[in-house]
Amino acid sequence: MPTTKDREKRQSIIDACLRMNASGINQGTSGNISLRHGDGMLITPTSTPYEVMKPEQIVYMHLDGNHDPGQRPSSEWRFHRDILKARPEVNAIVHAHPPYSTMLAIMGREIPPVHYMVAVAGGDTIRCAPYATFGTQELSEHAVRALEGRLACLLEHHGMIAIGSSLPKAMWLAVEVETLARQYHGCLQIGTPPLLSKEEIEKVRLRMAGYGHTEE
């Protein structure tokens, strides 16, 4: 039987899913969220409306992919699992289809250093991973590579991933990435935007260490 702490963790995922849709960075059940939990992870179930989702429906999955056969994890469980395996410092993963991030992803565009806040994602760009069919191991491998040295990436013709040491931090970053995508999209309507240098973004990144949501 789930402990109180286990149930609270599961509920925090549901609450984050509801905030994700309320904030406009996701629509319907297209997004998914996971949290590191013990030797595995907790992940949203597939095709379940967030409004009716119950804590016991959140799927516990071992990092070898095993889970209760009576439950159906998100179809994107592979990249959640593989990111957690590749990045021991990461405890939360948010995947969503925000409108502006997805528009750029459809065009295969990364987000360049148009604003110093690009640095909060860990580098001078927010990369766009190559396209692969959703839910596949190929997509997972593309996502893990695009996230090397980064905390967020776009997925070509798909959406966005944000990661963090906690769920509040990953959620904060997901919203920030969508803000940057909207700003870049707006700049492109005017012309080719000037970019900050790699050196300036690195200077900002170092100055902003620890910046963002501090709630754990």
C-alpha atoms as a PDB file:
ATOM      1  CA  MET A   1       0.000   0.000   0.000  1.00  0.00           C
ATOM      2  CA  PRO A   2       1.430   3.438  -0.978  1.00  0.00           C
ATOM      3  CA  THR A   3       2.891   5.477   1.860  1.00  0.00           C
ATOM      4  CA  THR A   4       1.710   9.030   2.502  1.00  0.00           C
ATOM      5  CA  LYS A   5       4.921  10.398   0.978  1.00  0.00           C
ATOM      6  CA  ASP A   6       4.503   8.158  -2.073  1.00  0.00           C
ATOM      7  CA  ARG A   7       0.924   9.365  -2.531  1.00  0.00           C
ATOM      8  CA  GLU A   8       1.990  13.007  -2.156  1.00  0.00           C
ATOM      9  CA  LYS A   9       4.635  12.523  -4.835  1.00  0.00           C
ATOM     10  CA  ARG A  10       2.073  10.986  -7.184  1.00  0.00           C
ATOM     11  CA  GLN A  11      -0.351  13.835  -6.486  1.00  0.00           C
ATOM     12  CA  SER A  12       2.388  16.390  -7.209  1.00  0.00           C
ATOM     13  CA  ILE A  13       2.669  14.945 -10.721  1.00  0.00           C
ATOM     14  CA  ILE A  14      -1.084  15.292 -11.276  1.00  0.00           C
ATOM     15  CA  ASP A  15      -1.035  18.854  -9.925  1.00  0.00           C
ATOM     16  CA  ALA A  16       1.831  19.734 -12.274  1.00  0.00           C
ATOM     17  CA  CYS A  17      -0.060  18.253 -15.238  1.00  0.00           C
ATOM     18  CA  LEU A  18      -3.075  20.409 -14.409  1.00  0.00           C
ATOM     19  CA  ARG A  19      -0.848  23.508 -14.128  1.00  0.00           C
ATOM     20  CA  MET A  20       0.805  22.605 -17.420  1.00  0.00           C
ATOM     21  CA  ASN A  21      -2.524  22.739 -19.251  1.00  0.00           C
ATOM     22  CA  ALA A  22      -3.828  25.742 -17.296  1.00  0.00           C
ATOM     23  CA  SER A  23      -0.692  27.728 -18.200  1.00  0.00           C
ATOM     24  CA  GLY A  24      -1.122  26.957 -21.892  1.00  0.00           C
ATOM     25  CA  ILE A  25       2.129  25.041 -22.355  1.00  0.00           C
ATOM     26  CA  ASN A  26       0.230  21.843 -23.080  1.00  0.00           C
ATOM     27  CA  GLN A  27      -3.106  20.707 -24.462  1.00  0.00           C
ATOM     28  CA  GLY A  28      -5.186  17.663 -23.560  1.00  0.00           C
ATOM     29  CA  THR A  29      -3.168  14.584 -22.600  1.00  0.00           C
ATOM     30  CA  SER A  30      -0.314  15.188 -25.058  1.00  0.00           C
ATOM     31  CA  GLY A  31       2.231  15.956 -22.330  1.00  0.00           C
ATOM     32  CA  ASN A  32       3.783  13.677 -19.738  1.00  0.00           C
ATOM     33  CA  ILE A  33       5.731  14.062 -16.502  1.00  0.00           C
ATOM     34  CA  SER A  34       8.030  11.777 -14.540  1.00  0.00           C
ATOM     35  CA  LEU A  35       9.796  11.873 -11.182  1.00  0.00           C
ATOM     36  CA  ARG A  36      12.719   9.777 -10.005  1.00  0.00           C
ATOM     37  CA  HIS A  37      11.441   7.474  -7.255  1.00  0.00           C
ATOM     38  CA  GLY A  38      13.638   5.004  -5.417  1.00  0.00           C
ATOM     39  CA  ASP A  39      15.371   2.800  -7.982  1.00  0.00           C
ATOM     40  CA  GLY A  40      12.888   3.749 -10.693  1.00  0.00           C
ATOM     41  CA  MET A  41      10.463   6.474 -11.653  1.00  0.00           C
ATOM     42  CA  LEU A  42       6.862   7.558 -11.344  1.00  0.00           C
ATOM     43  CA  ILE A  43       5.319   8.538 -14.688  1.00  0.00           C
ATOM     44  CA  THR A  44       1.938   9.635 -15.954  1.00  0.00           C
ATOM     45  CA  PRO A  45      -0.255   6.937 -17.519  1.00  0.00           C
ATOM     46  CA  THR A  46      -1.095   7.050 -21.210  1.00  0.00           C
ATOM     47  CA  SER A  47      -4.256   8.737 -22.530  1.00  0.00           C
ATOM     48  CA  THR A  48      -5.718   9.652 -19.147  1.00  0.00           C
ATOM     49  CA  PRO A  49      -7.307  13.115 -18.737  1.00  0.00           C
ATOM     50  CA  TYR A  50      -5.512  14.974 -15.971  1.00  0.00           C
ATOM     51  CA  GLU A  51      -8.806  16.163 -14.480  1.00  0.00           C
ATOM     52  CA  VAL A  52      -9.799  12.610 -13.529  1.00  0.00           C
ATOM     53  CA  MET A  53      -6.349  11.147 -12.905  1.00  0.00           C
ATOM     54  CA  LYS A  54      -5.880   9.494  -9.492  1.00  0.00           C
ATOM     55  CA  PRO A  55      -2.587   9.039  -7.586  1.00  0.00           C
ATOM     56  CA  GLU A  56      -2.839   5.245  -7.902  1.00  0.00           C
ATOM     57  CA  GLN A  57      -2.936   5.592 -11.703  1.00  0.00           C
ATOM     58  CA  ILE A  58       0.560   7.105 -11.770  1.00  0.00           C
ATOM     59  CA  VAL A  59       2.795   4.272 -12.953  1.00  0.00           C
ATOM     60  CA  TYR A  60       5.875   3.116 -11.063  1.00  0.00           C
ATOM     61  CA  MET A  61       8.479   1.833 -13.518  1.00  0.00           C
ATOM     62  CA  HIS A  62      11.878   0.302 -12.858  1.00  0.00           C
ATOM     63  CA  LEU A  63      14.710   1.756 -14.926  1.00  0.00           C
ATOM     64  CA  ASP A  64      14.919  -1.526 -16.824  1.00  0.00           C
ATOM     65  CA  GLY A  65      11.432  -0.790 -18.158  1.00  0.00           C
ATOM     66  CA  ASN A  66       9.523  -3.268 -15.992  1.00  0.00           C
ATOM     67  CA  HIS A  67       6.227  -2.174 -14.459  1.00  0.00           C
ATOM     68  CA  ASP A  68       2.902  -3.547 -13.275  1.00  0.00           C
ATOM     69  CA  PRO A  69       1.380  -5.158 -16.404  1.00  0.00           C
ATOM     70  CA  GLY A  70      -2.003  -3.885 -15.283  1.00  0.00           C
ATOM     71  CA  GLN A  71      -0.872  -0.295 -15.835  1.00  0.00           C
ATOM     72  CA  ARG A  72      -0.014   1.562 -19.051  1.00  0.00           C
ATOM     73  CA  PRO A  73       2.717   4.205 -18.738  1.00  0.00           C
ATOM     74  CA  SER A  74       3.020   7.157 -21.098  1.00  0.00           C
ATOM     75  CA  SER A  75       4.050   6.130 -24.599  1.00  0.00           C
ATOM     76  CA  GLU A  76       7.115   8.365 -24.101  1.00  0.00           C
ATOM     77  CA  TRP A  77       8.429   6.394 -21.107  1.00  0.00           C
ATOM     78  CA  ARG A  78      11.621   5.486 -22.982  1.00  0.00           C
ATOM     79  CA  PHE A  79      13.077   8.979 -23.058  1.00  0.00           C
ATOM     80  CA  HIS A  80      11.996   9.605 -19.462  1.00  0.00           C
ATOM     81  CA  ARG A  81      13.790   6.435 -18.390  1.00  0.00           C
ATOM     82  CA  ASP A  82      16.880   7.055 -20.508  1.00  0.00           C
ATOM     83  CA  ILE A  83      17.272  10.683 -19.394  1.00  0.00           C
ATOM     84  CA  LEU A  84      17.104   9.618 -15.735  1.00  0.00           C
ATOM     85  CA  LYS A  85      19.681   6.889 -16.395  1.00  0.00           C
ATOM     86  CA  ALA A  86      22.020   9.262 -18.240  1.00  0.00           C
ATOM     87  CA  ARG A  87      21.634  12.201 -15.821  1.00  0.00           C
ATOM     88  CA  PRO A  88      21.860  11.197 -12.133  1.00  0.00           C
ATOM     89  CA  GLU A  89      21.438  14.831 -11.061  1.00  0.00           C
ATOM     90  CA  VAL A  90      18.018  15.004 -12.734  1.00  0.00           C
ATOM     91  CA  ASN A  91      14.932  14.075 -10.699  1.00  0.00           C
ATOM     92  CA  ALA A  92      12.083  15.452 -12.817  1.00  0.00           C
ATOM     93  CA  ILE A  93      11.189  15.528 -16.507  1.00  0.00           C
ATOM     94  CA  VAL A  94       8.431  17.588 -18.130  1.00  0.00           C
ATOM     95  CA  HIS A  95       7.408  16.940 -21.729  1.00  0.00           C
ATOM     96  CA  ALA A  96       4.822  19.185 -23.371  1.00  0.00           C
ATOM     97  CA  HIS A  97       3.673  20.605 -26.696  1.00  0.00           C
ATOM     98  CA  PRO A  98       3.733  24.392 -26.098  1.00  0.00           C
ATOM     99  CA  PRO A  99       2.526  26.328 -29.174  1.00  0.00           C
ATOM    100  CA  TYR A 100       5.603  28.469 -29.872  1.00  0.00           C
ATOM    101  CA  SER A 101       8.180  25.840 -28.935  1.00  0.00           C
ATOM    102  CA  THR A 102       6.342  23.377 -31.160  1.00  0.00           C
ATOM    103  CA  MET A 103       6.194  25.829 -34.067  1.00  0.00           C
ATOM    104  CA  LEU A 104       9.966  26.195 -33.923  1.00  0.00           C
ATOM    105  CA  ALA A 105      10.347  22.427 -33.549  1.00  0.00           C
ATOM    106  CA  ILE A 106       8.200  21.856 -36.647  1.00  0.00           C
ATOM    107  CA  MET A 107      10.601  24.106 -38.549  1.00  0.00           C
ATOM    108  CA  GLY A 108      13.590  22.247 -37.095  1.00  0.00           C
ATOM    109  CA  ARG A 109      14.892  25.425 -35.459  1.00  0.00           C
ATOM    110  CA  GLU A 110      16.826  25.568 -32.225  1.00  0.00           C
ATOM    111  CA  ILE A 111      16.417  28.614 -29.981  1.00  0.00           C
ATOM    112  CA  PRO A 112      19.588  30.702 -30.397  1.00  0.00           C
ATOM    113  CA  PRO A 113      20.921  33.249 -27.849  1.00  0.00           C
ATOM    114  CA  VAL A 114      18.386  35.985 -28.665  1.00  0.00           C
ATOM    115  CA  HIS A 115      18.004  36.711 -24.936  1.00  0.00           C
ATOM    116  CA  TYR A 116      20.329  36.120 -22.004  1.00  0.00           C
ATOM    117  CA  MET A 117      17.706  33.864 -20.354  1.00  0.00           C
ATOM    118  CA  VAL A 118      18.647  31.155 -22.855  1.00  0.00           C
ATOM    119  CA  ALA A 119      21.453  30.515 -20.349  1.00  0.00           C
ATOM    120  CA  VAL A 120      19.013  29.021 -17.815  1.00  0.00           C
ATOM    121  CA  ALA A 121      18.750  25.959 -20.066  1.00  0.00           C
ATOM    122  CA  GLY A 122      22.470  25.336 -19.590  1.00  0.00           C
ATOM    123  CA  GLY A 123      24.135  26.663 -22.734  1.00  0.00           C
ATOM    124  CA  ASP A 124      24.072  29.195 -25.562  1.00  0.00           C
ATOM    125  CA  THR A 125      21.277  27.416 -27.476  1.00  0.00           C
ATOM    126  CA  ILE A 126      18.246  25.282 -26.829  1.00  0.00           C
ATOM    127  CA  ARG A 127      18.860  22.506 -29.306  1.00  0.00           C
ATOM    128  CA  CYS A 128      16.276  20.840 -31.509  1.00  0.00           C
ATOM    129  CA  ALA A 129      16.587  17.052 -31.610  1.00  0.00           C
ATOM    130  CA  PRO A 130      16.048  15.322 -34.991  1.00  0.00           C
ATOM    131  CA  TYR A 131      12.664  13.824 -35.685  1.00  0.00           C
ATOM    132  CA  ALA A 132      11.806  10.242 -34.805  1.00  0.00           C
ATOM    133  CA  THR A 133       8.431   8.557 -34.283  1.00  0.00           C
ATOM    134  CA  PHE A 134       6.966   9.214 -30.838  1.00  0.00           C
ATOM    135  CA  GLY A 135       7.547   6.578 -28.201  1.00  0.00           C
ATOM    136  CA  THR A 136      10.503   4.988 -30.001  1.00  0.00           C
ATOM    137  CA  GLN A 137      13.995   4.219 -28.767  1.00  0.00           C
ATOM    138  CA  GLU A 138      15.324   6.328 -31.657  1.00  0.00           C
ATOM    139  CA  LEU A 139      13.502   9.393 -30.312  1.00  0.00           C
ATOM    140  CA  SER A 140      14.863   8.684 -26.840  1.00  0.00           C
ATOM    141  CA  GLU A 141      18.436   8.564 -28.153  1.00  0.00           C
ATOM    142  CA  HIS A 142      17.957  11.849 -30.035  1.00  0.00           C
ATOM    143  CA  ALA A 143      16.549  13.504 -26.902  1.00  0.00           C
ATOM    144  CA  VAL A 144      19.371  12.315 -24.644  1.00  0.00           C
ATOM    145  CA  ARG A 145      21.955  13.675 -27.120  1.00  0.00           C
ATOM    146  CA  ALA A 146      20.173  17.017 -27.495  1.00  0.00           C
ATOM    147  CA  LEU A 147      20.148  17.374 -23.698  1.00  0.00           C
ATOM    148  CA  GLU A 148      23.870  16.786 -23.251  1.00  0.00           C
ATOM    149  CA  GLY A 149      25.070  19.765 -21.200  1.00  0.00           C
ATOM    150  CA  ARG A 150      21.543  21.214 -21.315  1.00  0.00           C
ATOM    151  CA  LEU A 151      18.371  21.290 -19.237  1.00  0.00           C
ATOM    152  CA  ALA A 152      15.911  21.653 -22.121  1.00  0.00           C
ATOM    153  CA  CYS A 153      15.525  20.797 -25.778  1.00  0.00           C
ATOM    154  CA  LEU A 154      12.989  20.872 -28.575  1.00  0.00           C
ATOM    155  CA  LEU A 155      11.929  17.756 -30.496  1.00  0.00           C
ATOM    156  CA  GLU A 156      11.563  18.232 -34.247  1.00  0.00           C
ATOM    157  CA  HIS A 157       7.921  18.085 -35.409  1.00  0.00           C
ATOM    158  CA  HIS A 158       6.927  17.252 -31.842  1.00  0.00           C
ATOM    159  CA  GLY A 159       7.398  19.450 -28.757  1.00  0.00           C
ATOM    160  CA  MET A 160       9.715  20.254 -25.858  1.00  0.00           C
ATOM    161  CA  ILE A 161      11.439  18.611 -22.887  1.00  0.00           C
ATOM    162  CA  ALA A 162      12.570  20.378 -19.706  1.00  0.00           C
ATOM    163  CA  ILE A 163      14.446  18.652 -16.887  1.00  0.00           C
ATOM    164  CA  GLY A 164      15.492  19.612 -13.384  1.00  0.00           C
ATOM    165  CA  SER A 165      16.581  18.557  -9.938  1.00  0.00           C
ATOM    166  CA  SER A 166      12.968  18.947  -8.786  1.00  0.00           C
ATOM    167  CA  LEU A 167       9.544  19.085 -10.400  1.00  0.00           C
ATOM    168  CA  PRO A 168       9.009  22.797  -9.602  1.00  0.00           C
ATOM    169  CA  LYS A 169      12.336  23.606 -11.293  1.00  0.00           C
ATOM    170  CA  ALA A 170      11.513  21.533 -14.383  1.00  0.00           C
ATOM    171  CA  MET A 171       8.069  23.155 -14.604  1.00  0.00           C
ATOM    172  CA  TRP A 172       9.557  26.646 -14.208  1.00  0.00           C
ATOM    173  CA  LEU A 173      12.030  25.927 -16.985  1.00  0.00           C
ATOM    174  CA  ALA A 174       9.339  24.556 -19.309  1.00  0.00           C
ATOM    175  CA  VAL A 175       7.438  27.845 -19.002  1.00  0.00           C
ATOM    176  CA  GLU A 176      10.649  29.846 -19.526  1.00  0.00           C
ATOM    177  CA  VAL A 177      11.529  27.891 -22.679  1.00  0.00           C
ATOM    178  CA  GLU A 178       8.083  28.643 -24.106  1.00  0.00           C
ATOM    179  CA  THR A 179       8.588  32.341 -23.296  1.00  0.00           C
ATOM    180  CA  LEU A 180      11.915  32.317 -25.147  1.00  0.00           C
ATOM    181  CA  ALA A 181      10.321  30.492 -28.090  1.00  0.00           C
ATOM    182  CA  ARG A 182       7.581  33.130 -28.265  1.00  0.00           C
ATOM    183  CA  GLN A 183      10.152  35.935 -28.158  1.00  0.00           C
ATOM    184  CA  TYR A 184      12.249  34.327 -30.896  1.00  0.00           C
ATOM    185  CA  HIS A 185       9.178  33.689 -33.032  1.00  0.00           C
ATOM    186  CA  GLY A 186       8.211  37.352 -32.651  1.00  0.00           C
ATOM    187  CA  CYS A 187      11.694  38.506 -33.666  1.00  0.00           C
ATOM    188  CA  LEU A 188      11.536  36.358 -36.801  1.00  0.00           C
ATOM    189  CA  GLN A 189       8.416  38.265 -37.898  1.00  0.00           C
ATOM    190  CA  ILE A 190      10.527  41.433 -37.992  1.00  0.00           C
ATOM    191  CA  GLY A 191      13.766  40.068 -39.402  1.00  0.00           C
ATOM    192  CA  THR A 192      16.890  38.187 -38.393  1.00  0.00           C
ATOM    193  CA  PRO A 193      17.529  38.915 -34.710  1.00  0.00           C
ATOM    194  CA  PRO A 194      21.003  39.825 -33.439  1.00  0.00           C
ATOM    195  CA  LEU A 195      22.476  37.198 -31.131  1.00  0.00           C
ATOM    196  CA  LEU A 196      24.460  37.321 -27.931  1.00  0.00           C
ATOM    197  CA  SER A 197      27.901  35.755 -28.067  1.00  0.00           C
ATOM    198  CA  LYS A 198      28.741  32.341 -26.676  1.00  0.00           C
ATOM    199  CA  GLU A 199      31.100  34.062 -24.222  1.00  0.00           C
ATOM    200  CA  GLU A 200      28.348  36.371 -22.950  1.00  0.00           C
ATOM    201  CA  ILE A 201      25.905  33.501 -22.445  1.00  0.00           C
ATOM    202  CA  GLU A 202      28.550  31.584 -20.487  1.00  0.00           C
ATOM    203  CA  LYS A 203      29.171  34.663 -18.327  1.00  0.00           C
ATOM    204  CA  VAL A 204      25.424  34.934 -17.682  1.00  0.00           C
ATOM    205  CA  ARG A 205      25.132  31.208 -16.995  1.00  0.00           C
ATOM    206  CA  LEU A 206      27.777  31.415 -14.280  1.00  0.00           C
ATOM    207  CA  ARG A 207      26.188  34.519 -12.738  1.00  0.00           C
ATOM    208  CA  MET A 208      22.766  32.845 -12.719  1.00  0.00           C
ATOM    209  CA  ALA A 209      23.808  29.601 -11.040  1.00  0.00           C
ATOM    210  CA  GLY A 210      20.903  28.526  -8.863  1.00  0.00           C
ATOM    211  CA  TYR A 211      18.507  30.982 -10.529  1.00  0.00           C
ATOM    212  CA  GLY A 212      14.922  29.835 -10.997  1.00  0.00           C
ATOM    213  CA  HIS A 213      12.337  28.110  -8.846  1.00  0.00           C
ATOM    214  CA  THR A 214      13.822  27.330  -5.428  1.00  0.00           C
ATOM    215  CA  GLU A 215      10.959  25.238  -4.034  1.00  0.00           C
ATOM    216  CA  GLU A 216      11.939  21.603  -3.518  1.00  0.00           C
END
